[in-house]
N, C-alpha and C. Protein backbone atom coordinates (compact mmCIF):
# COMPACT_ATOMS: atom_id res chain seq x y z
N MET A 1 34.36 10.88 36.78
CA MET A 1 33.61 10.01 35.93
C MET A 1 32.54 10.79 35.19
N LEU A 2 32.97 11.40 34.13
CA LEU A 2 32.10 12.20 33.29
C LEU A 2 30.92 11.38 32.77
N TRP A 3 31.13 10.08 32.55
CA TRP A 3 30.08 9.23 31.99
C TRP A 3 28.82 9.26 32.84
N ALA A 4 28.94 9.43 34.14
CA ALA A 4 27.76 9.39 35.02
C ALA A 4 26.81 10.53 34.69
N GLY A 5 27.34 11.71 34.48
CA GLY A 5 26.50 12.85 34.11
C GLY A 5 25.89 12.67 32.73
N ILE A 6 26.68 12.14 31.82
CA ILE A 6 26.18 11.89 30.46
C ILE A 6 25.08 10.82 30.49
N ALA A 7 25.32 9.75 31.25
CA ALA A 7 24.32 8.68 31.35
C ALA A 7 23.03 9.21 31.96
N TYR A 8 23.14 10.00 33.01
CA TYR A 8 21.95 10.58 33.65
C TYR A 8 21.17 11.42 32.65
N ALA A 9 21.87 12.29 31.91
CA ALA A 9 21.21 13.15 30.94
C ALA A 9 20.55 12.33 29.83
N ASN A 10 21.21 11.28 29.39
CA ASN A 10 20.64 10.45 28.32
C ASN A 10 19.46 9.61 28.79
N VAL A 11 19.55 9.07 29.98
CA VAL A 11 18.47 8.22 30.49
C VAL A 11 17.27 9.06 30.93
N CYS A 12 17.52 10.17 31.55
CA CYS A 12 16.44 10.99 32.13
C CYS A 12 16.15 12.23 31.28
N PHE A 13 16.29 12.12 29.99
CA PHE A 13 16.17 13.24 29.06
C PHE A 13 14.79 13.87 29.08
N SER A 14 13.75 13.05 29.13
CA SER A 14 12.38 13.58 29.07
C SER A 14 11.43 12.56 29.70
N GLU A 15 10.17 12.97 29.84
CA GLU A 15 9.18 12.03 30.36
C GLU A 15 8.94 10.87 29.42
N GLY A 16 9.36 11.02 28.16
CA GLY A 16 9.29 9.90 27.23
C GLY A 16 10.34 8.85 27.53
N HIS A 17 11.39 9.26 28.24
CA HIS A 17 12.47 8.35 28.60
C HIS A 17 12.27 7.77 30.00
N VAL A 18 11.82 8.60 30.91
CA VAL A 18 11.60 8.17 32.30
C VAL A 18 10.46 9.02 32.86
N THR A 19 9.55 8.39 33.60
CA THR A 19 8.43 9.14 34.16
C THR A 19 8.92 10.11 35.22
N LEU A 20 8.12 11.13 35.48
CA LEU A 20 8.48 12.10 36.50
C LEU A 20 8.59 11.43 37.87
N ASP A 21 7.70 10.49 38.17
CA ASP A 21 7.78 9.77 39.44
C ASP A 21 9.06 8.95 39.55
N ALA A 22 9.45 8.29 38.46
CA ALA A 22 10.68 7.51 38.47
C ALA A 22 11.89 8.41 38.63
N LEU A 23 11.85 9.58 38.00
CA LEU A 23 12.96 10.55 38.14
C LEU A 23 13.06 11.04 39.58
N LYS A 24 11.95 11.38 40.18
CA LYS A 24 11.95 11.83 41.58
C LYS A 24 12.49 10.75 42.50
N SER A 25 12.08 9.51 42.26
CA SER A 25 12.56 8.39 43.06
C SER A 25 14.07 8.21 42.89
N PHE A 26 14.54 8.31 41.65
CA PHE A 26 15.97 8.21 41.37
C PHE A 26 16.76 9.28 42.12
N VAL A 27 16.32 10.52 42.02
CA VAL A 27 17.02 11.63 42.69
C VAL A 27 17.03 11.42 44.20
N LYS A 28 15.91 11.01 44.76
CA LYS A 28 15.83 10.75 46.21
C LYS A 28 16.82 9.65 46.62
N ASP A 29 16.85 8.57 45.85
CA ASP A 29 17.75 7.46 46.15
C ASP A 29 19.22 7.88 46.05
N VAL A 30 19.55 8.64 45.00
CA VAL A 30 20.93 9.09 44.81
C VAL A 30 21.35 10.02 45.94
N GLU A 31 20.49 10.97 46.29
CA GLU A 31 20.83 11.88 47.39
C GLU A 31 21.08 11.12 48.69
N ALA A 32 20.26 10.13 48.97
CA ALA A 32 20.44 9.32 50.18
C ALA A 32 21.74 8.52 50.11
N LYS A 33 22.01 7.92 48.97
CA LYS A 33 23.21 7.08 48.80
C LYS A 33 24.48 7.91 48.95
N PHE A 34 24.47 9.12 48.41
CA PHE A 34 25.67 9.95 48.43
C PHE A 34 25.90 10.66 49.77
N LYS A 35 25.01 10.47 50.72
CA LYS A 35 25.25 10.99 52.07
C LYS A 35 26.26 10.13 52.82
N GLY A 36 26.41 8.91 52.38
CA GLY A 36 27.36 7.99 53.00
C GLY A 36 28.66 7.99 52.25
N PRO A 37 29.55 7.07 52.60
CA PRO A 37 30.83 6.97 51.90
C PRO A 37 30.61 6.64 50.42
N VAL A 38 31.42 7.25 49.58
CA VAL A 38 31.33 7.01 48.14
C VAL A 38 32.61 6.31 47.70
N ASP A 39 32.43 5.13 47.09
CA ASP A 39 33.56 4.36 46.58
C ASP A 39 33.14 3.70 45.28
N LEU A 40 33.92 2.76 44.81
CA LEU A 40 33.62 2.12 43.54
C LEU A 40 32.29 1.37 43.57
N SER A 41 31.93 0.82 44.70
CA SER A 41 30.63 0.13 44.78
C SER A 41 29.48 1.12 44.59
N THR A 42 29.69 2.38 44.99
CA THR A 42 28.68 3.41 44.79
C THR A 42 28.51 3.71 43.31
N VAL A 43 29.61 3.70 42.58
CA VAL A 43 29.56 3.92 41.14
C VAL A 43 28.78 2.79 40.47
N ASP A 44 29.05 1.55 40.87
CA ASP A 44 28.29 0.42 40.33
C ASP A 44 26.81 0.53 40.69
N TRP A 45 26.53 0.95 41.91
CA TRP A 45 25.15 1.13 42.35
C TRP A 45 24.46 2.16 41.47
N LEU A 46 25.13 3.27 41.20
CA LEU A 46 24.56 4.33 40.37
C LEU A 46 24.25 3.81 38.97
N TRP A 47 25.15 3.04 38.40
CA TRP A 47 24.94 2.46 37.08
C TRP A 47 23.70 1.57 37.07
N GLU A 48 23.58 0.71 38.09
CA GLU A 48 22.41 -0.17 38.18
C GLU A 48 21.13 0.61 38.46
N ARG A 49 21.26 1.65 39.29
CA ARG A 49 20.06 2.44 39.63
C ARG A 49 19.53 3.19 38.41
N LEU A 50 20.41 3.69 37.56
CA LEU A 50 19.97 4.32 36.33
C LEU A 50 19.17 3.33 35.48
N ALA A 51 19.63 2.10 35.42
CA ALA A 51 18.93 1.07 34.64
C ALA A 51 17.54 0.79 35.21
N ALA A 52 17.38 0.97 36.50
CA ALA A 52 16.11 0.68 37.16
C ALA A 52 15.08 1.79 37.01
N THR A 53 15.43 2.89 36.33
CA THR A 53 14.47 3.97 36.15
C THR A 53 13.34 3.60 35.20
N GLY A 54 13.56 2.59 34.37
CA GLY A 54 12.52 2.16 33.44
C GLY A 54 13.13 1.50 32.22
N PRO A 55 12.29 1.23 31.22
CA PRO A 55 12.77 0.54 30.02
C PRO A 55 13.93 1.25 29.31
N HIS A 56 13.86 2.57 29.22
CA HIS A 56 14.94 3.29 28.54
C HIS A 56 16.25 3.15 29.32
N GLY A 57 16.19 3.22 30.64
CA GLY A 57 17.38 3.04 31.47
C GLY A 57 17.98 1.66 31.29
N LYS A 58 17.12 0.66 31.23
CA LYS A 58 17.60 -0.72 31.03
C LYS A 58 18.26 -0.86 29.66
N GLN A 59 17.64 -0.31 28.62
CA GLN A 59 18.22 -0.37 27.28
C GLN A 59 19.55 0.37 27.23
N TYR A 60 19.63 1.50 27.90
CA TYR A 60 20.86 2.28 27.93
C TYR A 60 21.99 1.48 28.57
N ARG A 61 21.68 0.86 29.71
CA ARG A 61 22.69 0.05 30.39
C ARG A 61 23.15 -1.10 29.49
N GLU A 62 22.22 -1.80 28.88
CA GLU A 62 22.59 -2.91 28.01
C GLU A 62 23.46 -2.44 26.85
N ARG A 63 23.14 -1.30 26.29
CA ARG A 63 23.90 -0.78 25.14
C ARG A 63 25.31 -0.34 25.53
N PHE A 64 25.43 0.31 26.69
CA PHE A 64 26.71 0.90 27.07
C PHE A 64 27.47 0.16 28.16
N GLU A 65 26.99 -1.02 28.55
CA GLU A 65 27.67 -1.82 29.57
C GLU A 65 29.14 -2.10 29.22
N PRO A 66 29.44 -2.49 27.98
CA PRO A 66 30.86 -2.72 27.65
C PRO A 66 31.73 -1.47 27.84
N ALA A 67 31.22 -0.32 27.44
CA ALA A 67 31.99 0.92 27.61
C ALA A 67 32.15 1.26 29.08
N TYR A 68 31.09 1.04 29.87
CA TYR A 68 31.15 1.29 31.32
C TYR A 68 32.23 0.41 31.96
N LEU A 69 32.20 -0.88 31.65
CA LEU A 69 33.17 -1.81 32.26
C LEU A 69 34.60 -1.47 31.84
N GLU A 70 34.78 -1.07 30.61
CA GLU A 70 36.12 -0.69 30.17
C GLU A 70 36.59 0.58 30.86
N GLU A 71 35.71 1.57 30.97
CA GLU A 71 36.06 2.84 31.60
C GLU A 71 36.38 2.68 33.08
N VAL A 72 35.52 1.94 33.77
CA VAL A 72 35.65 1.83 35.23
C VAL A 72 36.65 0.76 35.65
N TYR A 73 36.64 -0.40 34.96
CA TYR A 73 37.44 -1.53 35.39
C TYR A 73 38.55 -1.95 34.43
N GLY A 74 38.54 -1.39 33.24
CA GLY A 74 39.52 -1.81 32.25
C GLY A 74 39.21 -3.18 31.66
N ILE A 75 37.96 -3.61 31.78
CA ILE A 75 37.52 -4.91 31.29
C ILE A 75 36.97 -4.72 29.88
N THR A 76 37.45 -5.53 28.96
CA THR A 76 36.99 -5.37 27.58
C THR A 76 36.00 -6.43 27.15
N SER A 77 35.77 -7.47 27.94
CA SER A 77 34.75 -8.46 27.57
C SER A 77 33.37 -7.92 27.92
N ALA A 78 32.37 -8.34 27.19
CA ALA A 78 31.03 -7.77 27.34
C ALA A 78 30.32 -8.19 28.63
N LYS A 79 30.54 -9.39 29.10
CA LYS A 79 29.81 -9.89 30.27
C LYS A 79 30.74 -10.55 31.28
N PRO A 80 31.57 -9.79 31.97
CA PRO A 80 32.45 -10.41 32.96
C PRO A 80 31.66 -10.79 34.21
N ASP A 81 32.19 -11.75 34.94
CA ASP A 81 31.56 -12.03 36.22
C ASP A 81 32.15 -11.06 37.25
N SER A 82 31.51 -10.97 38.40
CA SER A 82 31.92 -9.97 39.39
C SER A 82 33.33 -10.19 39.90
N LYS A 83 33.87 -11.39 39.78
CA LYS A 83 35.23 -11.66 40.25
C LYS A 83 36.27 -10.97 39.37
N GLN A 84 35.90 -10.65 38.13
CA GLN A 84 36.82 -9.98 37.23
C GLN A 84 36.97 -8.49 37.53
N LYS A 85 35.99 -7.92 38.22
CA LYS A 85 36.05 -6.49 38.50
C LYS A 85 37.25 -6.19 39.39
N ARG A 86 37.90 -5.09 39.10
CA ARG A 86 39.06 -4.70 39.90
C ARG A 86 39.05 -3.20 40.05
N GLN A 87 39.86 -2.73 40.92
CA GLN A 87 39.99 -1.29 41.12
C GLN A 87 40.60 -0.67 39.87
N PRO A 88 40.09 0.51 39.46
CA PRO A 88 40.71 1.16 38.30
C PRO A 88 42.15 1.55 38.62
N GLU A 89 42.95 1.62 37.56
CA GLU A 89 44.37 1.96 37.74
C GLU A 89 44.54 3.44 37.99
């Protein structure tokens, strides 16, 4: 999932995008999360966690949510409910 690295770089580009404290908190949370099993729910968690870094993260998620859902779930509608999510093919 190349998008995860791209999203991280875009959201956490500079202190103008995310504060240093928010970045440190994000890295700490990700490191802790990735110590356990990693599955599709972890990918969703990462997407939501990026949005929680601050206003830029939230805007990024809102802008690219349709692309994320299509890439991960093959869903082309902008706002599916959680029942529509499925395992990628």
